[in-house]
Amino acid sequence: MFLSDVDIKKAVEASDIVIKDFDLERLQPASYDVILGKKFSVTDPHQIQAIDPVKGVYPKMREITVDDGDEFVLHPRTTVLGTLKDFVGSDKYLIQISGKSSLARIGLVVHNTAGIINPGHFLHITLELANFNIIPIILRPGMPIAQLTFSKLTSLVGHNYDEKGRFTGDNWEKNLEPPKK
């Protein structure tokens, strides 16, 4: 069962869902619109013969930071990693990320396979941005890029997503702020 706009707002107010910085204008009937951040990771295809996941052979990536008001050009048949500006997470809900239909119609995919954020994982979600169009797509920091849906769990999880920097009880680890109450 997915949360409605009313329940998303209640869960944010109760700190059961963390969305920094929550903006009521981006709340949809059963989802929340999230915006693109400034960081992109790109590969140089000329530095590697082939990717071999079994042998752990991956291309080198470099990070590009795009200033507010500037643009990132996503060329056809290209996939890059991008981050959300929004910081999100929940211990009580499964979060799913989906593309916006207006962007999907122009060939932009925001995730290939990694569309689930497990309970206990608090982060700026990494997007798998791909351009399936034959024309470049201009991306800008701060633009609406995707939407989140929130699913109720049948019970609390047996163990939370355990990663450095995640929320642990009442204590936030290094470099993270607690949710607004």
N, C-alpha and C. Protein backbone atom coordinates (compact mmCIF):
# COMPACT_ATOMS: atom_id res chain seq x y z
N MET A 1 0.84 -1.18 0.00
CA MET A 1 0.00 0.00 0.00
C MET A 1 0.89 1.25 0.00
N PHE A 2 0.59 2.16 -0.91
CA PHE A 2 1.35 3.40 -1.04
C PHE A 2 0.72 4.50 -0.20
N LEU A 3 1.55 5.41 0.29
CA LEU A 3 1.04 6.54 1.06
C LEU A 3 0.43 7.58 0.13
N SER A 4 -0.63 8.21 0.60
CA SER A 4 -1.23 9.34 -0.11
C SER A 4 -0.50 10.62 0.30
N ASP A 5 -0.83 11.72 -0.37
CA ASP A 5 -0.23 13.00 -0.01
C ASP A 5 -0.46 13.35 1.46
N VAL A 6 -1.65 13.06 1.96
CA VAL A 6 -1.98 13.34 3.36
C VAL A 6 -1.05 12.55 4.28
N ASP A 7 -0.87 11.26 3.97
CA ASP A 7 -0.03 10.40 4.82
C ASP A 7 1.46 10.71 4.67
N ILE A 8 1.89 11.10 3.48
CA ILE A 8 3.30 11.50 3.30
C ILE A 8 3.58 12.71 4.19
N LYS A 9 2.71 13.70 4.13
CA LYS A 9 2.90 14.92 4.94
C LYS A 9 2.93 14.58 6.43
N LYS A 10 2.00 13.74 6.89
CA LYS A 10 1.97 13.32 8.31
C LYS A 10 3.26 12.61 8.70
N ALA A 11 3.73 11.71 7.83
CA ALA A 11 4.96 10.96 8.13
C ALA A 11 6.18 11.87 8.18
N VAL A 12 6.24 12.87 7.32
CA VAL A 12 7.34 13.84 7.36
C VAL A 12 7.27 14.65 8.65
N GLU A 13 6.08 15.11 9.01
CA GLU A 13 5.91 15.89 10.23
C GLU A 13 6.25 15.08 11.48
N ALA A 14 6.02 13.77 11.44
CA ALA A 14 6.33 12.89 12.57
C ALA A 14 7.77 12.38 12.53
N SER A 15 8.54 12.80 11.51
CA SER A 15 9.93 12.34 11.30
C SER A 15 10.03 10.85 10.99
N ASP A 16 8.93 10.24 10.54
CA ASP A 16 8.97 8.85 10.09
C ASP A 16 9.53 8.76 8.67
N ILE A 17 9.43 9.86 7.94
CA ILE A 17 10.08 10.02 6.64
C ILE A 17 10.90 11.30 6.72
N VAL A 18 12.16 11.22 6.29
CA VAL A 18 13.02 12.41 6.25
C VAL A 18 13.11 12.87 4.81
N ILE A 19 12.76 14.12 4.57
CA ILE A 19 12.97 14.78 3.28
C ILE A 19 13.50 16.17 3.59
N LYS A 20 14.77 16.38 3.28
CA LYS A 20 15.38 17.70 3.51
C LYS A 20 15.62 18.34 2.18
N ASP A 21 15.11 19.41 1.89
CA ASP A 21 14.17 20.26 2.58
C ASP A 21 12.79 20.04 1.98
N PHE A 22 11.86 19.60 2.82
CA PHE A 22 10.51 19.28 2.39
C PHE A 22 9.83 20.54 1.89
N ASP A 23 9.21 20.43 0.71
CA ASP A 23 8.51 21.55 0.08
C ASP A 23 7.11 21.08 -0.29
N LEU A 24 6.11 21.62 0.38
CA LEU A 24 4.72 21.23 0.16
C LEU A 24 4.30 21.37 -1.30
N GLU A 25 4.92 22.30 -2.03
CA GLU A 25 4.59 22.51 -3.46
C GLU A 25 4.95 21.29 -4.32
N ARG A 26 5.88 20.45 -3.84
CA ARG A 26 6.32 19.29 -4.62
C ARG A 26 5.56 18.02 -4.24
N LEU A 27 4.64 18.13 -3.31
CA LEU A 27 3.84 16.99 -2.89
C LEU A 27 2.74 16.72 -3.91
N GLN A 28 2.72 15.51 -4.45
CA GLN A 28 1.73 15.08 -5.44
C GLN A 28 0.69 14.20 -4.73
N PRO A 29 -0.41 13.81 -5.40
CA PRO A 29 -1.45 13.01 -4.73
C PRO A 29 -0.94 11.73 -4.06
N ALA A 30 0.06 11.06 -4.65
CA ALA A 30 0.59 9.82 -4.04
C ALA A 30 2.09 9.72 -4.22
N SER A 31 2.76 10.87 -4.36
CA SER A 31 4.22 10.86 -4.52
C SER A 31 4.79 12.22 -4.13
N TYR A 32 6.10 12.29 -4.15
CA TYR A 32 6.79 13.55 -3.84
C TYR A 32 7.85 13.77 -4.92
N ASP A 33 7.81 14.95 -5.56
CA ASP A 33 8.79 15.28 -6.59
C ASP A 33 10.12 15.65 -5.96
N VAL A 34 11.20 15.11 -6.48
CA VAL A 34 12.55 15.42 -6.00
C VAL A 34 13.32 16.13 -7.11
N ILE A 35 14.35 16.87 -6.69
CA ILE A 35 15.07 17.71 -7.64
C ILE A 35 16.53 17.29 -7.79
N LEU A 36 17.05 17.61 -8.95
CA LEU A 36 18.41 17.23 -9.31
C LEU A 36 19.44 18.05 -8.54
N GLY A 37 20.49 17.38 -8.09
CA GLY A 37 21.59 18.05 -7.43
C GLY A 37 22.63 18.53 -8.43
N LYS A 38 23.82 18.85 -7.92
CA LYS A 38 24.88 19.46 -8.72
C LYS A 38 25.96 18.49 -9.19
N LYS A 39 25.98 17.27 -8.65
CA LYS A 39 27.10 16.36 -8.92
C LYS A 39 26.73 15.27 -9.91
N PHE A 40 27.63 15.06 -10.87
CA PHE A 40 27.49 14.02 -11.88
C PHE A 40 28.80 13.24 -11.94
N SER A 41 28.70 11.94 -12.17
CA SER A 41 29.88 11.11 -12.37
C SER A 41 29.83 10.56 -13.78
N VAL A 42 30.92 10.77 -14.51
CA VAL A 42 30.99 10.35 -15.91
C VAL A 42 32.19 9.44 -16.11
N THR A 43 32.14 8.61 -17.16
CA THR A 43 33.25 7.73 -17.49
C THR A 43 33.89 8.18 -18.79
N ASP A 44 35.14 7.79 -18.95
CA ASP A 44 35.84 8.01 -20.21
C ASP A 44 35.95 6.65 -20.88
N PRO A 45 35.19 6.41 -21.94
CA PRO A 45 35.17 5.07 -22.54
C PRO A 45 36.49 4.66 -23.18
N HIS A 46 37.40 5.59 -23.35
CA HIS A 46 38.68 5.27 -23.99
C HIS A 46 39.73 4.75 -23.01
N GLN A 47 39.39 4.68 -21.74
CA GLN A 47 40.34 4.23 -20.73
C GLN A 47 40.18 2.76 -20.35
N ILE A 48 39.24 2.06 -21.00
CA ILE A 48 39.00 0.67 -20.64
C ILE A 48 38.54 -0.09 -21.88
N GLN A 49 39.00 -1.32 -21.99
CA GLN A 49 38.61 -2.15 -23.15
C GLN A 49 37.17 -2.63 -23.01
N ALA A 50 36.83 -3.12 -21.80
CA ALA A 50 35.48 -3.62 -21.55
C ALA A 50 35.25 -3.67 -20.05
N ILE A 51 34.00 -3.59 -19.67
CA ILE A 51 33.61 -3.74 -18.27
C ILE A 51 33.42 -5.23 -18.01
N ASP A 52 33.98 -5.72 -16.90
CA ASP A 52 33.85 -7.12 -16.53
C ASP A 52 33.48 -7.20 -15.05
N PRO A 53 32.17 -7.17 -14.74
CA PRO A 53 31.75 -7.18 -13.33
C PRO A 53 32.23 -8.38 -12.54
N VAL A 54 32.34 -9.55 -13.17
CA VAL A 54 32.78 -10.75 -12.47
C VAL A 54 34.21 -10.59 -11.98
N LYS A 55 35.06 -9.97 -12.80
CA LYS A 55 36.46 -9.77 -12.43
C LYS A 55 36.68 -8.43 -11.73
N GLY A 56 35.61 -7.68 -11.52
CA GLY A 56 35.75 -6.39 -10.83
C GLY A 56 36.40 -5.32 -11.68
N VAL A 57 36.27 -5.41 -12.99
CA VAL A 57 36.86 -4.42 -13.89
C VAL A 57 35.78 -3.40 -14.26
N TYR A 58 35.95 -2.19 -13.77
CA TYR A 58 35.00 -1.11 -14.02
C TYR A 58 35.75 0.10 -14.55
N PRO A 59 35.07 0.95 -15.30
CA PRO A 59 35.74 2.13 -15.82
C PRO A 59 36.01 3.15 -14.71
N LYS A 60 37.04 3.95 -14.91
CA LYS A 60 37.31 5.04 -13.98
C LYS A 60 36.27 6.12 -14.20
N MET A 61 35.84 6.71 -13.11
CA MET A 61 34.83 7.77 -13.20
C MET A 61 35.44 9.06 -12.65
N ARG A 62 34.96 10.15 -13.20
CA ARG A 62 35.36 11.45 -12.65
C ARG A 62 34.09 12.23 -12.32
N GLU A 63 34.19 13.03 -11.29
CA GLU A 63 33.04 13.79 -10.84
C GLU A 63 33.05 15.19 -11.44
N ILE A 64 31.88 15.64 -11.85
CA ILE A 64 31.69 16.98 -12.37
C ILE A 64 30.66 17.67 -11.48
N THR A 65 30.96 18.88 -11.05
CA THR A 65 30.02 19.67 -10.28
C THR A 65 29.52 20.81 -11.16
N VAL A 66 28.21 20.93 -11.27
CA VAL A 66 27.58 21.96 -12.09
C VAL A 66 26.98 23.00 -11.16
N ASP A 67 27.33 24.25 -11.36
CA ASP A 67 26.82 25.33 -10.52
C ASP A 67 25.34 25.61 -10.82
N ASP A 68 24.65 26.16 -9.83
CA ASP A 68 23.27 26.58 -10.04
C ASP A 68 23.22 27.53 -11.23
N GLY A 69 22.23 27.35 -12.08
CA GLY A 69 22.09 28.19 -13.26
C GLY A 69 22.84 27.68 -14.48
N ASP A 70 23.79 26.75 -14.26
CA ASP A 70 24.52 26.15 -15.38
C ASP A 70 23.82 24.88 -15.82
N GLU A 71 24.37 24.24 -16.84
CA GLU A 71 23.72 23.06 -17.39
C GLU A 71 24.69 21.91 -17.57
N PHE A 72 24.14 20.71 -17.58
CA PHE A 72 24.87 19.49 -17.89
C PHE A 72 24.19 18.90 -19.12
N VAL A 73 24.96 18.63 -20.16
CA VAL A 73 24.39 18.09 -21.40
C VAL A 73 24.55 16.57 -21.38
N LEU A 74 23.42 15.87 -21.41
CA LEU A 74 23.40 14.41 -21.45
C LEU A 74 23.21 13.99 -22.91
N HIS A 75 24.26 13.45 -23.48
CA HIS A 75 24.25 13.10 -24.90
C HIS A 75 23.50 11.79 -25.15
N PRO A 76 23.03 11.59 -26.37
CA PRO A 76 22.32 10.34 -26.71
C PRO A 76 23.18 9.10 -26.42
N ARG A 77 22.48 8.02 -26.04
CA ARG A 77 23.12 6.74 -25.75
C ARG A 77 24.18 6.84 -24.66
N THR A 78 24.01 7.78 -23.75
CA THR A 78 24.97 7.98 -22.68
C THR A 78 24.28 7.78 -21.33
N THR A 79 25.00 7.14 -20.43
CA THR A 79 24.52 6.99 -19.06
C THR A 79 25.54 7.61 -18.13
N VAL A 80 25.07 8.43 -17.20
CA VAL A 80 25.92 9.04 -16.17
C VAL A 80 25.23 8.86 -14.83
N LEU A 81 25.98 9.06 -13.77
CA LEU A 81 25.38 9.06 -12.44
C LEU A 81 25.15 10.51 -12.03
N GLY A 82 24.04 10.78 -11.40
CA GLY A 82 23.73 12.10 -10.86
C GLY A 82 23.17 11.92 -9.47
N THR A 83 23.13 12.99 -8.70
CA THR A 83 22.60 12.89 -7.34
C THR A 83 21.39 13.81 -7.18
N LEU A 84 20.57 13.45 -6.24
CA LEU A 84 19.46 14.32 -5.87
C LEU A 84 19.96 15.41 -4.93
N LYS A 85 19.34 16.56 -5.01
CA LYS A 85 19.60 17.62 -4.04
C LYS A 85 18.97 17.23 -2.71
N ASP A 86 17.80 16.59 -2.79
CA ASP A 86 17.06 16.20 -1.59
C ASP A 86 17.78 15.08 -0.83
N PHE A 87 17.75 15.18 0.48
CA PHE A 87 18.25 14.14 1.37
C PHE A 87 17.04 13.40 1.90
N VAL A 88 16.96 12.08 1.68
CA VAL A 88 15.76 11.34 2.03
C VAL A 88 16.09 10.04 2.75
N GLY A 89 15.10 9.51 3.44
CA GLY A 89 15.23 8.21 4.08
C GLY A 89 14.09 7.95 5.05
N SER A 90 14.00 6.71 5.49
CA SER A 90 12.98 6.32 6.46
C SER A 90 13.38 4.99 7.08
N ASP A 91 13.06 4.85 8.35
CA ASP A 91 13.21 3.55 9.00
C ASP A 91 11.94 2.72 8.88
N LYS A 92 10.82 3.38 8.57
CA LYS A 92 9.52 2.72 8.61
C LYS A 92 8.89 2.42 7.26
N TYR A 93 9.42 3.03 6.19
CA TYR A 93 8.80 2.89 4.87
C TYR A 93 9.83 2.47 3.83
N LEU A 94 9.37 1.72 2.85
CA LEU A 94 10.17 1.42 1.67
C LEU A 94 9.95 2.58 0.71
N ILE A 95 11.02 3.15 0.18
CA ILE A 95 10.93 4.27 -0.75
C ILE A 95 11.29 3.76 -2.14
N GLN A 96 10.49 4.16 -3.13
CA GLN A 96 10.79 3.81 -4.51
C GLN A 96 10.91 5.09 -5.33
N ILE A 97 11.87 5.11 -6.24
CA ILE A 97 12.06 6.27 -7.10
C ILE A 97 11.63 5.90 -8.52
N SER A 98 10.93 6.83 -9.15
CA SER A 98 10.46 6.64 -10.52
C SER A 98 10.70 7.93 -11.30
N GLY A 99 10.76 7.77 -12.60
CA GLY A 99 10.92 8.94 -13.45
C GLY A 99 9.63 9.73 -13.55
N LYS A 100 9.77 10.96 -14.00
CA LYS A 100 8.61 11.79 -14.28
C LYS A 100 8.18 11.53 -15.72
N SER A 101 6.89 11.39 -15.95
CA SER A 101 6.42 11.05 -17.29
C SER A 101 6.81 12.11 -18.32
N SER A 102 6.83 13.39 -17.93
CA SER A 102 7.20 14.45 -18.88
C SER A 102 8.63 14.28 -19.37
N LEU A 103 9.52 13.80 -18.51
CA LEU A 103 10.92 13.58 -18.90
C LEU A 103 11.08 12.24 -19.62
N ALA A 104 10.31 11.25 -19.23
CA ALA A 104 10.37 9.95 -19.91
C ALA A 104 9.96 10.09 -21.37
N ARG A 105 9.00 10.96 -21.64
CA ARG A 105 8.54 11.16 -23.01
C ARG A 105 9.61 11.76 -23.91
N ILE A 106 10.63 12.40 -23.33
CA ILE A 106 11.73 12.94 -24.15
C ILE A 106 12.95 12.01 -24.13
N GLY A 107 12.80 10.83 -23.53
CA GLY A 107 13.85 9.83 -23.56
C GLY A 107 14.75 9.77 -22.35
N LEU A 108 14.43 10.50 -21.28
CA LEU A 108 15.28 10.49 -20.08
C LEU A 108 14.82 9.40 -19.12
N VAL A 109 15.77 8.53 -18.75
CA VAL A 109 15.54 7.50 -17.75
C VAL A 109 16.35 7.90 -16.52
N VAL A 110 15.73 7.82 -15.32
CA VAL A 110 16.43 8.24 -14.10
C VAL A 110 16.99 7.07 -13.30
N HIS A 111 16.51 5.88 -13.56
CA HIS A 111 17.12 4.70 -12.94
C HIS A 111 16.90 3.50 -13.85
N ASN A 112 17.95 2.70 -13.98
CA ASN A 112 17.87 1.51 -14.82
C ASN A 112 17.31 0.33 -14.02
N THR A 113 17.87 0.11 -12.84
CA THR A 113 17.42 -1.02 -12.03
C THR A 113 17.35 -0.69 -10.55
N ALA A 114 18.09 0.28 -10.09
CA ALA A 114 18.19 0.55 -8.65
C ALA A 114 17.15 1.56 -8.21
N GLY A 115 15.89 1.12 -8.12
CA GLY A 115 14.81 2.03 -7.80
C GLY A 115 14.28 1.92 -6.38
N ILE A 116 14.94 1.13 -5.54
CA ILE A 116 14.44 0.92 -4.17
C ILE A 116 15.44 1.47 -3.16
N ILE A 117 14.90 2.19 -2.18
CA ILE A 117 15.71 2.68 -1.06
C ILE A 117 15.19 1.94 0.17
N ASN A 118 16.03 1.08 0.70
CA ASN A 118 15.64 0.23 1.82
C ASN A 118 15.45 1.03 3.09
N PRO A 119 14.59 0.53 4.00
CA PRO A 119 14.44 1.18 5.30
C PRO A 119 15.79 1.28 6.00
N GLY A 120 16.03 2.42 6.62
CA GLY A 120 17.29 2.65 7.32
C GLY A 120 18.36 3.31 6.48
N HIS A 121 18.10 3.50 5.19
CA HIS A 121 19.07 4.12 4.30
C HIS A 121 18.68 5.59 4.12
N PHE A 122 19.54 6.50 4.57
CA PHE A 122 19.31 7.94 4.50
C PHE A 122 20.41 8.52 3.63
N LEU A 123 20.03 9.20 2.53
CA LEU A 123 21.04 9.61 1.56
C LEU A 123 20.51 10.62 0.56
N HIS A 124 21.43 11.15 -0.23
CA HIS A 124 21.12 11.86 -1.46
C HIS A 124 21.17 10.77 -2.53
N ILE A 125 20.02 10.36 -3.03
CA ILE A 125 19.92 9.21 -3.93
C ILE A 125 20.76 9.45 -5.19
N THR A 126 21.48 8.40 -5.60
CA THR A 126 22.22 8.43 -6.86
C THR A 126 21.29 7.97 -7.98
N LEU A 127 21.22 8.77 -9.03
CA LEU A 127 20.39 8.46 -10.19
C LEU A 127 21.24 7.85 -11.29
N GLU A 128 20.68 6.93 -12.03
CA GLU A 128 21.32 6.35 -13.22
C GLU A 128 20.68 7.03 -14.42
N LEU A 129 21.21 8.17 -14.82
CA LEU A 129 20.60 9.00 -15.87
C LEU A 129 21.03 8.51 -17.24
N ALA A 130 20.06 8.19 -18.08
CA ALA A 130 20.34 7.70 -19.43
C ALA A 130 19.47 8.46 -20.43
N ASN A 131 20.07 8.78 -21.57
CA ASN A 131 19.37 9.48 -22.63
C ASN A 131 19.10 8.50 -23.77
N PHE A 132 17.84 8.12 -23.95
CA PHE A 132 17.45 7.21 -25.03
C PHE A 132 16.95 7.95 -26.26
N ASN A 133 17.06 9.26 -26.25
CA ASN A 133 16.67 10.07 -27.38
C ASN A 133 17.84 10.15 -28.36
N ILE A 134 17.61 10.71 -29.54
CA ILE A 134 18.71 10.93 -30.50
C ILE A 134 19.21 12.37 -30.43
N ILE A 135 18.65 13.15 -29.52
CA ILE A 135 19.00 14.55 -29.32
C ILE A 135 19.51 14.71 -27.89
N PRO A 136 20.55 15.50 -27.65
CA PRO A 136 21.01 15.73 -26.27
C PRO A 136 19.90 16.33 -25.40
N ILE A 137 19.97 16.03 -24.11
CA ILE A 137 19.01 16.55 -23.13
C ILE A 137 19.80 17.42 -22.15
N ILE A 138 19.32 18.63 -21.91
CA ILE A 138 19.98 19.53 -20.97
C ILE A 138 19.38 19.32 -19.59
N LEU A 139 20.25 19.05 -18.62
CA LEU A 139 19.86 18.88 -17.23
C LEU A 139 20.41 20.06 -16.43
N ARG A 140 19.63 20.55 -15.47
CA ARG A 140 20.04 21.68 -14.66
C ARG A 140 19.84 21.37 -13.17
N PRO A 141 20.82 21.71 -12.34
CA PRO A 141 20.62 21.54 -10.90
C PRO A 141 19.35 22.28 -10.46
N GLY A 142 18.56 21.62 -9.62
CA GLY A 142 17.34 22.20 -9.11
C GLY A 142 16.10 21.89 -9.91
N MET A 143 16.26 21.23 -11.07
CA MET A 143 15.08 20.89 -11.87
C MET A 143 14.38 19.66 -11.29
N PRO A 144 13.04 19.61 -11.35
CA PRO A 144 12.36 18.37 -10.95
C PRO A 144 12.83 17.24 -11.85
N ILE A 145 13.25 16.12 -11.25
CA ILE A 145 13.88 15.05 -12.03
C ILE A 145 13.21 13.70 -11.84
N ALA A 146 12.57 13.48 -10.69
CA ALA A 146 11.99 12.17 -10.40
C ALA A 146 10.92 12.32 -9.33
N GLN A 147 10.30 11.20 -8.98
CA GLN A 147 9.32 11.22 -7.90
C GLN A 147 9.52 10.02 -6.99
N LEU A 148 9.21 10.22 -5.73
CA LEU A 148 9.31 9.16 -4.74
C LEU A 148 7.93 8.70 -4.33
N THR A 149 7.79 7.39 -4.16
CA THR A 149 6.59 6.83 -3.54
C THR A 149 7.03 6.10 -2.28
N PHE A 150 6.11 5.98 -1.35
CA PHE A 150 6.41 5.41 -0.04
C PHE A 150 5.43 4.28 0.23
N SER A 151 5.98 3.11 0.58
CA SER A 151 5.16 1.93 0.84
C SER A 151 5.23 1.54 2.30
N LYS A 152 4.07 1.20 2.86
CA LYS A 152 4.03 0.68 4.22
C LYS A 152 4.60 -0.73 4.24
N LEU A 153 5.30 -1.05 5.30
CA LEU A 153 5.83 -2.39 5.48
C LEU A 153 4.84 -3.19 6.33
N THR A 154 4.80 -4.49 6.16
CA THR A 154 3.89 -5.31 6.95
C THR A 154 4.32 -5.39 8.41
N SER A 155 5.60 -5.16 8.67
CA SER A 155 6.12 -5.09 10.03
C SER A 155 7.43 -4.33 9.97
N LEU A 156 7.97 -3.95 11.11
CA LEU A 156 9.28 -3.32 11.13
C LEU A 156 10.32 -4.34 10.65
N VAL A 157 11.34 -3.87 10.00
CA VAL A 157 12.36 -4.77 9.46
C VAL A 157 13.18 -5.39 10.58
N GLY A 158 13.72 -6.59 10.31
CA GLY A 158 14.56 -7.28 11.28
C GLY A 158 15.91 -6.60 11.45
N HIS A 159 16.40 -5.99 10.37
CA HIS A 159 17.64 -5.21 10.44
C HIS A 159 17.57 -4.10 9.40
N ASN A 160 18.08 -2.94 9.79
CA ASN A 160 18.09 -1.80 8.89
C ASN A 160 19.25 -1.88 7.92
N TYR A 161 19.14 -1.11 6.87
CA TYR A 161 20.24 -0.97 5.94
C TYR A 161 21.43 -0.46 6.73
N ASP A 162 22.53 -1.18 6.74
CA ASP A 162 23.65 -0.83 7.59
C ASP A 162 24.78 -0.28 6.75
N GLU A 163 24.92 1.04 6.73
CA GLU A 163 25.95 1.67 5.93
C GLU A 163 26.49 2.87 6.70
N LYS A 164 27.76 3.17 6.52
CA LYS A 164 28.38 4.31 7.19
C LYS A 164 27.57 5.58 6.91
N GLY A 165 27.29 6.33 7.95
CA GLY A 165 26.58 7.58 7.79
C GLY A 165 25.08 7.45 7.88
N ARG A 166 24.57 6.25 8.12
CA ARG A 166 23.12 6.10 8.19
C ARG A 166 22.63 6.45 9.59
N PHE A 167 21.36 6.69 9.70
CA PHE A 167 20.72 7.00 10.97
C PHE A 167 20.73 5.77 11.86
N THR A 168 21.15 5.94 13.09
CA THR A 168 21.14 4.83 14.04
C THR A 168 20.47 5.31 15.32
N GLY A 169 19.24 4.96 15.50
CA GLY A 169 18.51 5.37 16.71
C GLY A 169 18.41 6.88 16.82
N ASP A 170 18.81 7.42 17.98
CA ASP A 170 18.72 8.87 18.20
C ASP A 170 20.01 9.58 17.84
N ASN A 171 21.02 8.88 17.35
CA ASN A 171 22.31 9.50 17.05
C ASN A 171 22.57 9.50 15.56
N TRP A 172 22.97 10.64 15.05
CA TRP A 172 23.35 10.74 13.64
C TRP A 172 24.86 10.66 13.57
N GLU A 173 25.34 9.83 12.68
CA GLU A 173 26.78 9.69 12.53
C GLU A 173 27.35 10.86 11.77
N LYS A 174 28.64 10.86 11.63
CA LYS A 174 29.43 11.92 11.02
C LYS A 174 28.77 12.57 9.80
N ASN A 175 28.76 13.90 9.79
CA ASN A 175 28.34 14.74 8.66
C ASN A 175 26.85 14.71 8.34
N LEU A 176 26.03 14.12 9.15
CA LEU A 176 24.60 14.11 8.89
C LEU A 176 23.88 14.86 9.99
N GLU A 177 22.82 15.54 9.63
CA GLU A 177 22.01 16.25 10.60
C GLU A 177 20.80 15.42 10.96
N PRO A 178 20.27 15.59 12.19
CA PRO A 178 19.07 14.84 12.55
C PRO A 178 17.87 15.39 11.82
N PRO A 179 16.81 14.59 11.70
CA PRO A 179 15.60 15.10 11.05
C PRO A 179 14.99 16.23 11.86
N LYS A 180 14.32 17.15 11.16
CA LYS A 180 13.60 18.23 11.86
C LYS A 180 12.37 17.63 12.52
N LYS A 181 12.15 18.01 13.75
CA LYS A 181 10.97 17.49 14.46
C LYS A 181 9.96 18.59 14.65
